Amino acid sequence: MPRTAFIRRRTEGTLALQDAALYESLRRLERRGWIQSEWRITENNRKSHYYEPTERGRGELARGEVAWRQYVTAVQRDGAAEGGEPMTELATA
């Protein structure tokens, strides 16, 4: 099964990626040193590329999570200031 189909199924259709976009993103992350990859043999005796975050990549992820939470907080604050309902769904995403 293509990785993009797996991602689409696991996210219940929320993330619908094209194969080319996914693999270009993975290559870009690897060039930045945020992930590393290696070829392995699967249970079905097929060659497959496996990816995992590097220490540097985990740091970038942590910084990105902080930035995302700050963004969500700002959007919630802005919505409450406008008399709207806070968007708590985003905070837990």
N, C-alpha and C. Protein backbone atom coordinates (compact mmCIF):
# COMPACT_ATOMS: atom_id res chain seq x y z
N MET A 1 0.85 -1.18 0.00
CA MET A 1 0.00 0.00 0.00
C MET A 1 0.90 1.24 0.00
N PRO A 2 0.63 2.20 -0.88
CA PRO A 2 1.42 3.43 -0.88
C PRO A 2 1.30 4.15 0.47
N ARG A 3 2.37 4.80 0.85
CA ARG A 3 2.39 5.55 2.12
C ARG A 3 1.26 6.57 2.19
N THR A 4 0.97 7.24 1.08
CA THR A 4 -0.06 8.27 1.12
C THR A 4 -1.43 7.67 1.41
N ALA A 5 -1.70 6.48 0.91
CA ALA A 5 -2.97 5.82 1.21
C ALA A 5 -3.03 5.45 2.70
N PHE A 6 -1.91 4.99 3.23
CA PHE A 6 -1.83 4.65 4.64
C PHE A 6 -2.10 5.89 5.50
N ILE A 7 -1.46 7.01 5.16
CA ILE A 7 -1.65 8.26 5.91
C ILE A 7 -3.10 8.73 5.81
N ARG A 8 -3.66 8.67 4.62
CA ARG A 8 -5.05 9.09 4.42
C ARG A 8 -5.99 8.24 5.29
N ARG A 9 -5.75 6.93 5.31
CA ARG A 9 -6.60 6.04 6.10
C ARG A 9 -6.43 6.30 7.60
N ARG A 10 -5.18 6.42 8.05
CA ARG A 10 -4.91 6.63 9.48
C ARG A 10 -5.46 7.96 9.99
N THR A 11 -5.53 8.98 9.11
CA THR A 11 -6.04 10.29 9.53
C THR A 11 -7.50 10.48 9.15
N GLU A 12 -8.14 9.40 8.75
CA GLU A 12 -9.55 9.43 8.34
C GLU A 12 -9.80 10.48 7.28
N GLY A 13 -8.87 10.60 6.34
CA GLY A 13 -9.03 11.51 5.22
C GLY A 13 -8.62 12.95 5.49
N THR A 14 -8.22 13.26 6.72
CA THR A 14 -7.83 14.63 7.04
C THR A 14 -6.59 15.04 6.26
N LEU A 15 -5.62 14.13 6.14
CA LEU A 15 -4.41 14.41 5.35
C LEU A 15 -4.48 13.60 4.07
N ALA A 16 -4.65 14.30 2.97
CA ALA A 16 -4.68 13.65 1.66
C ALA A 16 -3.49 14.16 0.87
N LEU A 17 -2.42 13.40 0.87
CA LEU A 17 -1.18 13.81 0.22
C LEU A 17 -0.99 13.10 -1.10
N GLN A 18 -0.22 13.73 -1.96
CA GLN A 18 0.21 13.11 -3.20
C GLN A 18 1.56 12.46 -2.93
N ASP A 19 1.84 11.32 -3.57
CA ASP A 19 3.10 10.62 -3.36
C ASP A 19 4.30 11.54 -3.59
N ALA A 20 4.29 12.27 -4.69
CA ALA A 20 5.44 13.14 -5.01
C ALA A 20 5.67 14.17 -3.92
N ALA A 21 4.62 14.76 -3.40
CA ALA A 21 4.74 15.78 -2.34
C ALA A 21 5.30 15.16 -1.06
N LEU A 22 4.83 13.98 -0.72
CA LEU A 22 5.32 13.31 0.49
C LEU A 22 6.81 13.02 0.39
N TYR A 23 7.23 12.41 -0.72
CA TYR A 23 8.63 12.03 -0.84
C TYR A 23 9.55 13.24 -1.01
N GLU A 24 9.08 14.30 -1.65
CA GLU A 24 9.87 15.52 -1.73
C GLU A 24 10.03 16.13 -0.33
N SER A 25 8.99 16.10 0.47
CA SER A 25 9.07 16.59 1.85
C SER A 25 10.04 15.76 2.67
N LEU A 26 9.99 14.46 2.52
CA LEU A 26 10.92 13.59 3.25
C LEU A 26 12.36 13.88 2.84
N ARG A 27 12.61 14.06 1.55
CA ARG A 27 13.96 14.38 1.09
C ARG A 27 14.44 15.72 1.66
N ARG A 28 13.54 16.70 1.68
CA ARG A 28 13.89 18.02 2.23
C ARG A 28 14.23 17.92 3.71
N LEU A 29 13.43 17.16 4.47
CA LEU A 29 13.70 16.97 5.90
C LEU A 29 15.03 16.25 6.12
N GLU A 30 15.33 15.30 5.25
CA GLU A 30 16.60 14.57 5.37
C GLU A 30 17.78 15.49 5.04
N ARG A 31 17.65 16.33 4.02
CA ARG A 31 18.73 17.28 3.68
C ARG A 31 18.99 18.25 4.84
N ARG A 32 17.94 18.62 5.55
CA ARG A 32 18.10 19.52 6.69
C ARG A 32 18.66 18.82 7.92
N GLY A 33 18.72 17.50 7.87
CA GLY A 33 19.24 16.76 9.01
C GLY A 33 18.21 16.50 10.09
N TRP A 34 16.92 16.64 9.73
CA TRP A 34 15.86 16.46 10.72
C TRP A 34 15.37 15.02 10.80
N ILE A 35 15.60 14.25 9.73
CA ILE A 35 15.27 12.83 9.73
C ILE A 35 16.42 12.07 9.11
N GLN A 36 16.47 10.78 9.37
CA GLN A 36 17.43 9.90 8.70
C GLN A 36 16.66 8.71 8.16
N SER A 37 17.22 8.10 7.14
CA SER A 37 16.51 6.98 6.54
C SER A 37 17.47 5.84 6.28
N GLU A 38 16.89 4.68 6.12
CA GLU A 38 17.67 3.51 5.75
C GLU A 38 16.75 2.52 5.04
N TRP A 39 17.35 1.71 4.19
CA TRP A 39 16.61 0.66 3.51
C TRP A 39 16.59 -0.57 4.41
N ARG A 40 15.42 -1.19 4.51
CA ARG A 40 15.28 -2.43 5.27
C ARG A 40 14.42 -3.41 4.46
N ILE A 41 14.53 -4.66 4.82
CA ILE A 41 13.69 -5.68 4.22
C ILE A 41 12.44 -5.84 5.11
N THR A 42 11.26 -5.79 4.49
CA THR A 42 10.01 -5.90 5.23
C THR A 42 9.69 -7.36 5.54
N GLU A 43 8.61 -7.56 6.27
CA GLU A 43 8.14 -8.92 6.58
C GLU A 43 7.77 -9.68 5.31
N ASN A 44 7.38 -8.94 4.26
CA ASN A 44 7.01 -9.56 2.98
C ASN A 44 8.22 -9.74 2.06
N ASN A 45 9.41 -9.57 2.62
CA ASN A 45 10.66 -9.73 1.88
C ASN A 45 10.80 -8.70 0.75
N ARG A 46 10.29 -7.47 1.03
CA ARG A 46 10.42 -6.37 0.08
C ARG A 46 11.32 -5.31 0.68
N LYS A 47 12.02 -4.61 -0.19
CA LYS A 47 12.88 -3.52 0.25
C LYS A 47 12.02 -2.28 0.49
N SER A 48 12.22 -1.63 1.64
CA SER A 48 11.43 -0.45 1.96
C SER A 48 12.30 0.58 2.66
N HIS A 49 12.00 1.84 2.43
CA HIS A 49 12.74 2.94 3.04
C HIS A 49 12.08 3.26 4.38
N TYR A 50 12.85 3.31 5.45
CA TYR A 50 12.35 3.63 6.78
C TYR A 50 12.94 4.97 7.22
N TYR A 51 12.12 5.80 7.83
CA TYR A 51 12.54 7.13 8.27
C TYR A 51 12.35 7.25 9.77
N GLU A 52 13.25 8.01 10.41
CA GLU A 52 13.09 8.32 11.82
C GLU A 52 13.71 9.68 12.09
N PRO A 53 13.19 10.39 13.10
CA PRO A 53 13.73 11.71 13.39
C PRO A 53 15.12 11.61 14.02
N THR A 54 15.94 12.59 13.72
CA THR A 54 17.25 12.71 14.36
C THR A 54 17.07 13.52 15.65
N GLU A 55 18.12 13.62 16.42
CA GLU A 55 18.07 14.46 17.62
C GLU A 55 17.74 15.91 17.23
N ARG A 56 18.38 16.38 16.18
CA ARG A 56 18.11 17.73 15.68
C ARG A 56 16.65 17.86 15.25
N GLY A 57 16.13 16.83 14.59
CA GLY A 57 14.74 16.84 14.15
C GLY A 57 13.76 16.86 15.32
N ARG A 58 14.08 16.13 16.37
CA ARG A 58 13.22 16.15 17.56
C ARG A 58 13.20 17.55 18.18
N GLY A 59 14.35 18.23 18.16
CA GLY A 59 14.40 19.60 18.67
C GLY A 59 13.55 20.54 17.83
N GLU A 60 13.64 20.38 16.50
CA GLU A 60 12.82 21.20 15.60
C GLU A 60 11.33 20.94 15.83
N LEU A 61 10.98 19.68 16.03
CA LEU A 61 9.59 19.33 16.29
C LEU A 61 9.10 19.98 17.57
N ALA A 62 9.91 19.94 18.62
CA ALA A 62 9.53 20.56 19.90
C ALA A 62 9.33 22.06 19.72
N ARG A 63 10.23 22.71 18.98
CA ARG A 63 10.08 24.15 18.74
C ARG A 63 8.82 24.44 17.91
N GLY A 64 8.56 23.59 16.94
CA GLY A 64 7.36 23.76 16.12
C GLY A 64 6.09 23.59 16.92
N GLU A 65 6.10 22.65 17.85
CA GLU A 65 4.92 22.45 18.71
C GLU A 65 4.68 23.67 19.58
N VAL A 66 5.74 24.25 20.11
CA VAL A 66 5.61 25.47 20.92
C VAL A 66 5.02 26.59 20.07
N ALA A 67 5.55 26.77 18.86
CA ALA A 67 5.06 27.82 17.97
C ALA A 67 3.59 27.59 17.63
N TRP A 68 3.20 26.33 17.37
CA TRP A 68 1.81 26.02 17.04
C TRP A 68 0.89 26.35 18.21
N ARG A 69 1.29 25.98 19.41
CA ARG A 69 0.46 26.27 20.59
C ARG A 69 0.33 27.78 20.80
N GLN A 70 1.40 28.53 20.56
CA GLN A 70 1.32 29.99 20.68
C GLN A 70 0.36 30.55 19.64
N TYR A 71 0.40 30.02 18.44
CA TYR A 71 -0.51 30.46 17.39
C TYR A 71 -1.96 30.17 17.77
N VAL A 72 -2.23 28.96 18.25
CA VAL A 72 -3.58 28.59 18.64
C VAL A 72 -4.08 29.49 19.77
N THR A 73 -3.22 29.75 20.74
CA THR A 73 -3.59 30.62 21.85
C THR A 73 -3.95 32.01 21.34
N ALA A 74 -3.16 32.54 20.40
CA ALA A 74 -3.44 33.87 19.84
C ALA A 74 -4.77 33.88 19.09
N VAL A 75 -5.04 32.83 18.32
CA VAL A 75 -6.30 32.76 17.58
C VAL A 75 -7.47 32.66 18.55
N GLN A 76 -7.33 31.87 19.59
CA GLN A 76 -8.39 31.75 20.58
C GLN A 76 -8.64 33.09 21.27
N ARG A 77 -7.59 33.77 21.62
CA ARG A 77 -7.70 35.07 22.29
C ARG A 77 -8.40 36.06 21.37
N ASP A 78 -8.03 36.07 20.09
CA ASP A 78 -8.62 36.97 19.12
C ASP A 78 -10.11 36.66 18.95
N GLY A 79 -10.46 35.38 18.87
CA GLY A 79 -11.86 34.99 18.74
C GLY A 79 -12.68 35.41 19.94
N ALA A 80 -12.11 35.26 21.14
CA ALA A 80 -12.83 35.65 22.36
C ALA A 80 -12.98 37.17 22.40
N ALA A 81 -11.97 37.91 21.94
CA ALA A 81 -12.02 39.37 21.94
C ALA A 81 -13.09 39.87 20.99
N GLU A 82 -13.35 39.14 19.91
CA GLU A 82 -14.35 39.53 18.93
C GLU A 82 -15.76 39.11 19.36
N GLY A 83 -15.87 38.52 20.54
CA GLY A 83 -17.16 38.07 21.02
C GLY A 83 -17.51 36.67 20.55
N GLY A 84 -16.57 36.03 19.91
CA GLY A 84 -16.80 34.68 19.43
C GLY A 84 -16.44 33.64 20.47
N GLU A 85 -16.68 32.42 20.12
CA GLU A 85 -16.34 31.31 21.01
C GLU A 85 -14.88 30.95 20.83
N PRO A 86 -14.16 30.66 21.92
CA PRO A 86 -12.79 30.17 21.77
C PRO A 86 -12.78 28.87 20.97
N MET A 87 -11.76 28.69 20.15
CA MET A 87 -11.67 27.50 19.30
C MET A 87 -10.87 26.43 20.02
N THR A 88 -11.48 25.81 21.03
CA THR A 88 -10.75 24.82 21.85
C THR A 88 -10.38 23.59 21.07
N GLU A 89 -11.07 23.30 19.95
CA GLU A 89 -10.73 22.12 19.17
C GLU A 89 -9.31 22.21 18.64
N LEU A 90 -8.86 23.40 18.27
CA LEU A 90 -7.51 23.57 17.75
C LEU A 90 -6.46 23.30 18.82
N ALA A 91 -6.75 23.69 20.06
CA ALA A 91 -5.78 23.54 21.13
C ALA A 91 -5.46 22.09 21.41
N THR A 92 -6.38 21.20 21.14
CA THR A 92 -6.16 19.80 21.44
C THR A 92 -5.71 19.01 20.23
N ALA A 93 -5.62 19.67 19.07
CA ALA A 93 -5.23 18.98 17.85
C ALA A 93 -3.77 18.58 17.88
